[in-house]
C-alpha atoms as a PDB file:
ATOM      1  CA  PRO A   1      30.375  -6.292  16.127  1.00  0.00           C
ATOM      2  CA  GLU A   2      29.129  -4.535  12.904  1.00  0.00           C
ATOM      3  CA  PHE A   3      29.734  -6.151   9.392  1.00  0.00           C
ATOM      4  CA  SER A   4      27.797  -5.993   6.092  1.00  0.00           C
ATOM      5  CA  CYS A   5      25.698  -9.056   4.907  1.00  0.00           C
ATOM      6  CA  GLU A   6      23.259  -9.654   2.359  1.00  0.00           C
ATOM      7  CA  VAL A   7      19.491  -9.079   3.257  1.00  0.00           C
ATOM      8  CA  SER A   8      18.690 -12.510   1.876  1.00  0.00           C
ATOM      9  CA  LYS A   9      21.291 -14.098   4.422  1.00  0.00           C
ATOM     10  CA  ILE A  10      19.751 -12.316   7.267  1.00  0.00           C
ATOM     11  CA  VAL A  11      16.126 -13.415   6.158  1.00  0.00           C
ATOM     12  CA  PHE A  12      17.232 -17.097   5.712  1.00  0.00           C
ATOM     13  CA  SER A  13      19.122 -16.981   9.272  1.00  0.00           C
ATOM     14  CA  LEU A  14      15.976 -15.748  10.853  1.00  0.00           C
ATOM     15  CA  ILE A  15      13.679 -18.065   9.223  1.00  0.00           C
ATOM     16  CA  GLN A  16      16.187 -21.226  10.203  1.00  0.00           C
ATOM     17  CA  HIS A  17      16.199 -19.562  13.780  1.00  0.00           C
ATOM     18  CA  LYS A  18      20.030 -19.271  13.582  1.00  0.00           C
ATOM     19  CA  LEU A  19      19.597 -15.591  14.199  1.00  0.00           C
ATOM     20  CA  LEU A  20      17.373 -14.408  17.054  1.00  0.00           C
ATOM     21  CA  PRO A  21      16.329 -18.059  17.942  1.00  0.00           C
ATOM     22  CA  GLY A  22      12.658 -18.121  19.336  1.00  0.00           C
ATOM     23  CA  CYS A  23      11.346 -15.298  16.847  1.00  0.00           C
ATOM     24  CA  SER A  24       8.581 -15.577  14.621  1.00  0.00           C
ATOM     25  CA  VAL A  25       9.112 -14.432  11.012  1.00  0.00           C
ATOM     26  CA  LEU A  26       6.423 -13.430   8.392  1.00  0.00           C
ATOM     27  CA  VAL A  27       7.605 -13.382   5.149  1.00  0.00           C
ATOM     28  CA  THR A  28       5.402 -11.885   2.181  1.00  0.00           C
ATOM     29  CA  SER A  29       6.511 -12.266  -1.358  1.00  0.00           C
ATOM     30  CA  ARG A  30       5.245 -12.031  -4.746  1.00  0.00           C
ATOM     31  CA  PRO A  31       4.330 -15.339  -6.470  1.00  0.00           C
ATOM     32  CA  THR A  32       7.329 -15.071  -8.768  1.00  0.00           C
ATOM     33  CA  ALA A  33       9.747 -15.029  -6.052  1.00  0.00           C
ATOM     34  CA  ILE A  34       8.482 -17.857  -3.824  1.00  0.00           C
ATOM     35  CA  HIS A  35      10.848 -20.213  -5.239  1.00  0.00           C
ATOM     36  CA  LEU A  36      13.631 -18.470  -3.188  1.00  0.00           C
ATOM     37  CA  LEU A  37      12.035 -19.769   0.043  1.00  0.00           C
ATOM     38  CA  GLU A  38      11.931 -23.459  -0.976  1.00  0.00           C
ATOM     39  CA  LYS A  39      15.271 -24.157   0.766  1.00  0.00           C
ATOM     40  CA  ALA A  40      14.236 -22.814   3.978  1.00  0.00           C
ATOM     41  CA  GLU A  41      13.084 -25.131   6.766  1.00  0.00           C
ATOM     42  CA  ILE A  42       9.730 -23.330   7.345  1.00  0.00           C
ATOM     43  CA  SER A  43       7.573 -24.695  10.449  1.00  0.00           C
ATOM     44  CA  VAL A  44       4.356 -23.036   9.341  1.00  0.00           C
ATOM     45  CA  TRP A  45       3.668 -22.219   5.825  1.00  0.00           C
ATOM     46  CA  VAL A  46       0.608 -20.399   4.576  1.00  0.00           C
ATOM     47  CA  GLU A  47       0.009 -19.191   0.875  1.00  0.00           C
ATOM     48  CA  ILE A  48      -2.758 -16.764   0.230  1.00  0.00           C
ATOM     49  CA  LEU A  49      -3.674 -17.010  -3.309  1.00  0.00           C
ATOM     50  CA  GLY A  50      -4.359 -13.644  -5.008  1.00  0.00           C
ATOM     51  CA  LEU A  51      -6.561 -12.995  -8.039  1.00  0.00           C
ATOM     52  CA  VAL A  52      -5.270 -14.085 -11.503  1.00  0.00           C
ATOM     53  CA  ASP A  53      -5.809 -12.151 -14.640  1.00  0.00           C
ATOM     54  CA  GLY A  54      -9.495 -12.729 -15.424  1.00  0.00           C
ATOM     55  CA  GLU A  55     -10.377 -12.491 -11.828  1.00  0.00           C
ATOM     56  CA  ARG A  56      -8.944  -8.856 -11.637  1.00  0.00           C
ATOM     57  CA  ASN A  57     -11.129  -7.658 -14.500  1.00  0.00           C
ATOM     58  CA  GLU A  58     -14.089  -9.276 -12.900  1.00  0.00           C
ATOM     59  CA  TYR A  59     -13.415  -7.656  -9.590  1.00  0.00           C
ATOM     60  CA  PHE A  60     -13.409  -4.260 -11.086  1.00  0.00           C
ATOM     61  CA  ASN A  61     -16.650  -5.233 -13.031  1.00  0.00           C
ATOM     62  CA  ARG A  62     -18.335  -5.974  -9.832  1.00  0.00           C
ATOM     63  CA  LEU A  63     -16.953  -3.000  -7.937  1.00  0.00           C
ATOM     64  CA  PHE A  64     -18.495  -0.652 -10.176  1.00  0.00           C
ATOM     65  CA  GLU A  65     -22.096  -0.544 -11.252  1.00  0.00           C
ATOM     66  CA  ASP A  66     -21.214   1.198 -14.614  1.00  0.00           C
ATOM     67  CA  ARG A  67     -19.449  -1.001 -16.864  1.00  0.00           C
ATOM     68  CA  THR A  68     -17.556   1.784 -18.719  1.00  0.00           C
ATOM     69  CA  VAL A  69     -16.136   3.038 -15.421  1.00  0.00           C
ATOM     70  CA  ALA A  70     -15.098  -0.337 -14.469  1.00  0.00           C
ATOM     71  CA  ALA A  71     -13.564  -0.854 -17.876  1.00  0.00           C
ATOM     72  CA  ALA A  72     -11.871   2.617 -17.927  1.00  0.00           C
ATOM     73  CA  VAL A  73     -10.255   1.864 -14.364  1.00  0.00           C
ATOM     74  CA  PHE A  74      -9.033  -1.407 -15.227  1.00  0.00           C
ATOM     75  CA  LYS A  75      -7.614  -0.102 -18.737  1.00  0.00           C
ATOM     76  CA  HIS A  76      -5.622   2.353 -16.574  1.00  0.00           C
ATOM     77  CA  VAL A  77      -4.443  -0.022 -14.213  1.00  0.00           C
ATOM     78  CA  LYS A  78      -3.359  -2.541 -16.674  1.00  0.00           C
ATOM     79  CA  GLU A  79      -1.449   0.063 -18.395  1.00  0.00           C
ATOM     80  CA  ASN A  80       0.688   0.905 -15.347  1.00  0.00           C
ATOM     81  CA  GLU A  81       2.767  -2.125 -14.580  1.00  0.00           C
ATOM     82  CA  ILE A  82       3.081  -1.201 -10.760  1.00  0.00           C
ATOM     83  CA  LEU A  83      -0.581  -0.698 -10.416  1.00  0.00           C
ATOM     84  CA  TYR A  84      -1.317  -3.949 -12.293  1.00  0.00           C
ATOM     85  CA  THR A  85       0.962  -5.861  -9.999  1.00  0.00           C
ATOM     86  CA  MET A  86      -0.883  -4.491  -6.923  1.00  0.00           C
ATOM     87  CA  THR A  87      -4.144  -6.002  -8.282  1.00  0.00           C
ATOM     88  CA  TYR A  88      -2.913  -9.734  -7.344  1.00  0.00           C
ATOM     89  CA  ASN A  89      -4.251  -8.585  -3.944  1.00  0.00           C
ATOM     90  CA  PRO A  90      -7.916  -8.063  -3.688  1.00  0.00           C
ATOM     91  CA  SER A  91      -7.655  -5.183  -0.846  1.00  0.00           C
ATOM     92  CA  CYS A  92      -5.273  -3.469  -3.069  1.00  0.00           C
ATOM     93  CA  CYS A  93      -7.920  -3.735  -5.959  1.00  0.00           C
ATOM     94  CA  TRP A  94     -10.613  -2.211  -3.486  1.00  0.00           C
ATOM     95  CA  ILE A  95      -8.113   0.601  -2.758  1.00  0.00           C
ATOM     96  CA  LEU A  96      -7.485   1.197  -6.449  1.00  0.00           C
ATOM     97  CA  GLY A  97     -11.077   1.072  -7.470  1.00  0.00           C
ATOM     98  CA  LEU A  98     -12.139   3.407  -4.470  1.00  0.00           C
ATOM     99  CA  THR A  99      -9.370   6.005  -5.317  1.00  0.00           C
ATOM    100  CA  LEU A 100      -9.398   5.690  -9.312  1.00  0.00           C
ATOM    101  CA  GLY A 101     -13.185   5.385  -9.682  1.00  0.00           C
ATOM    102  CA  PRO A 102     -13.955   9.129  -9.249  1.00  0.00           C
ATOM    103  CA  PHE A 103     -11.512  10.023 -11.783  1.00  0.00           C
ATOM    104  CA  PHE A 104     -13.531   8.263 -14.519  1.00  0.00           C
ATOM    105  CA  THR A 105     -17.011   9.154 -13.165  1.00  0.00           C
ATOM    106  CA  GLN A 106     -16.444  12.820 -12.822  1.00  0.00           C
ATOM    107  CA  GLY A 107     -16.002  14.433 -16.303  1.00  0.00           C
ATOM    108  CA  HIS A 108     -14.382  17.743 -14.697  1.00  0.00           C
ATOM    109  CA  ARG A 109     -11.206  16.039 -13.653  1.00  0.00           C
ATOM    110  CA  ASP A 110      -8.157  16.432 -15.479  1.00  0.00           C
ATOM    111  CA  GLN A 111      -6.851  13.137 -17.183  1.00  0.00           C
ATOM    112  CA  GLN A 112      -3.283  14.237 -16.070  1.00  0.00           C
ATOM    113  CA  GLN A 113      -4.447  14.164 -12.345  1.00  0.00           C
ATOM    114  CA  ILE A 114      -5.166  10.419 -12.308  1.00  0.00           C
ATOM    115  CA  PRO A 115      -2.769   8.742 -10.215  1.00  0.00           C
ATOM    116  CA  LYS A 116      -0.075   6.615 -11.884  1.00  0.00           C
ATOM    117  CA  THR A 117       2.344   5.933  -9.058  1.00  0.00           C
ATOM    118  CA  ILE A 118       1.777   4.299  -5.915  1.00  0.00           C
ATOM    119  CA  THR A 119       2.547   7.158  -4.107  1.00  0.00           C
ATOM    120  CA  GLN A 120       0.110   9.383  -6.007  1.00  0.00           C
ATOM    121  CA  LEU A 121      -2.377   6.711  -5.516  1.00  0.00           C
ATOM    122  CA  TYR A 122      -1.969   6.602  -1.701  1.00  0.00           C
ATOM    123  CA  SER A 123      -1.791  10.239  -1.326  1.00  0.00           C
ATOM    124  CA  CYS A 124      -5.176  10.552  -3.196  1.00  0.00           C
ATOM    125  CA  TYR A 125      -6.551   7.625  -1.174  1.00  0.00           C
ATOM    126  CA  THR A 126      -5.489   9.212   2.008  1.00  0.00           C
ATOM    127  CA  CYS A 127      -6.990  12.539   1.053  1.00  0.00           C
ATOM    128  CA  ASN A 128     -10.178  10.947   0.031  1.00  0.00           C
ATOM    129  CA  ILE A 129     -10.464   9.441   3.466  1.00  0.00           C
ATOM    130  CA  LEU A 130      -9.640  12.756   5.410  1.00  0.00           C
ATOM    131  CA  ARG A 131     -12.045  14.712   3.175  1.00  0.00           C
ATOM    132  CA  THR A 132     -15.052  12.058   3.676  1.00  0.00           C
ATOM    133  CA  HIS A 133     -14.210  11.303   7.291  1.00  0.00           C
ATOM    134  CA  SER A 134     -12.831  14.677   8.816  1.00  0.00           C
ATOM    135  CA  CYS A 135     -14.921  16.331  11.378  1.00  0.00           C
ATOM    136  CA  GLU A 136     -12.782  19.493  11.155  1.00  0.00           C
ATOM    137  CA  THR A 137     -12.860  22.286   8.694  1.00  0.00           C
ATOM    138  CA  GLU A 138      -9.250  21.884   7.776  1.00  0.00           C
ATOM    139  CA  SER A 139      -8.054  21.141   4.463  1.00  0.00           C
ATOM    140  CA  PRO A 140      -7.147  17.470   3.768  1.00  0.00           C
ATOM    141  CA  ARG A 141      -4.120  18.752   1.647  1.00  0.00           C
ATOM    142  CA  ASP A 142      -2.714  20.662   4.725  1.00  0.00           C
ATOM    143  CA  VAL A 143      -3.314  17.629   6.957  1.00  0.00           C
ATOM    144  CA  LEU A 144      -1.446  15.422   4.504  1.00  0.00           C
ATOM    145  CA  LEU A 145       1.338  17.762   4.026  1.00  0.00           C
ATOM    146  CA  ARG A 146       2.110  18.008   7.805  1.00  0.00           C
ATOM    147  CA  VAL A 147       1.890  14.088   8.143  1.00  0.00           C
ATOM    148  CA  GLY A 148       4.247  13.917   5.218  1.00  0.00           C
ATOM    149  CA  GLN A 149       6.811  16.458   6.964  1.00  0.00           C
ATOM    150  CA  MET A 150       6.466  14.502  10.230  1.00  0.00           C
ATOM    151  CA  ALA A 151       7.240  11.167   8.382  1.00  0.00           C
ATOM    152  CA  LEU A 152      10.134  12.859   6.529  1.00  0.00           C
ATOM    153  CA  THR A 153      11.652  14.006   9.778  1.00  0.00           C
ATOM    154  CA  ALA A 154      11.065  10.425  11.363  1.00  0.00           C
ATOM    155  CA  VAL A 155      12.896   8.996   8.357  1.00  0.00           C
ATOM    156  CA  SER A 156      16.032  10.996   8.794  1.00  0.00           C
ATOM    157  CA  GLU A 157      16.009  10.564  12.679  1.00  0.00           C
ATOM    158  CA  LYS A 158      15.341   6.807  12.187  1.00  0.00           C
ATOM    159  CA  VAL A 159      11.870   7.088  14.073  1.00  0.00           C
ATOM    160  CA  ILE A 160       9.589   4.225  13.375  1.00  0.00           C
ATOM    161  CA  VAL A 161       6.902   4.770  16.012  1.00  0.00           C
ATOM    162  CA  PHE A 162       5.030   8.113  16.568  1.00  0.00           C
ATOM    163  CA  THR A 163       3.804   9.066  19.880  1.00  0.00           C
ATOM    164  CA  ASP A 164       0.971  11.598  20.689  1.00  0.00           C
ATOM    165  CA  GLY A 165       3.569  14.156  21.358  1.00  0.00           C
ATOM    166  CA  ASP A 166       4.742  13.964  17.780  1.00  0.00           C
ATOM    167  CA  LEU A 167       1.392  14.289  16.435  1.00  0.00           C
ATOM    168  CA  ILE A 168       0.863  17.419  18.538  1.00  0.00           C
ATOM    169  CA  LYS A 169       4.128  18.584  17.507  1.00  0.00           C
ATOM    170  CA  TYR A 170       3.011  18.726  13.890  1.00  0.00           C
ATOM    171  CA  ASN A 171      -0.564  20.253  14.986  1.00  0.00           C
ATOM    172  CA  LEU A 172      -2.130  16.641  14.249  1.00  0.00           C
ATOM    173  CA  GLN A 173      -4.811  15.584  16.321  1.00  0.00           C
ATOM    174  CA  PRO A 174      -4.129  12.264  18.274  1.00  0.00           C
ATOM    175  CA  SER A 175      -6.688   9.597  18.439  1.00  0.00           C
ATOM    176  CA  GLN A 176      -8.996   9.617  21.319  1.00  0.00           C
END
C-alpha cells in the first residue's frame, strides 16, 4: 500500500533494520547533521574527517605552485558558501582546484565565466575531461549537451541506469 512518510523516518527504519531487514545502509552527512543519527542503533560506524578551515587554505597552497593563483582560487571558493562547503572533502578540493585554477592563470578568460554554482563547476570539470581525454574531434560542448539531454529524458522517465543502447541513441560512444 502507498502512503506518505518523512524521509528521516524511512532512513531511521532502514538503519534499525525494521524496513528491508538484512540490507546495508551507507549514510553520508555533513558534520553539522551527524547528531541526528545519535538515536540510531548503528552496527558499524565510520567517520571520515574532512578538512578544517586552515587545512583548506593549505590544500590550495600545496595544489598550486603559484601562491597568487592559490590565493585567488581559495578567495573565490570562500566567497561562495556552496563551493566552500564542498572543500570539507579533500577530493572536492582537488576538483575545485583543477577546474578553477585555469580561470586564474589564463588572463584571457572573462571573470563572469568563472563557475559559481555546483552545476557550472561540474559542467566545466566534465568539459575539461572531455577536452583533454577525448580521442575524437568532436566538441566537448556537443557531447555534454547530448549527455544532458539523455539525463533529462531519463529523469522524466525515471530511468536511473543507462545501457549501451541509451548511449548509442544519443550518439554517444559506449565504453569498450
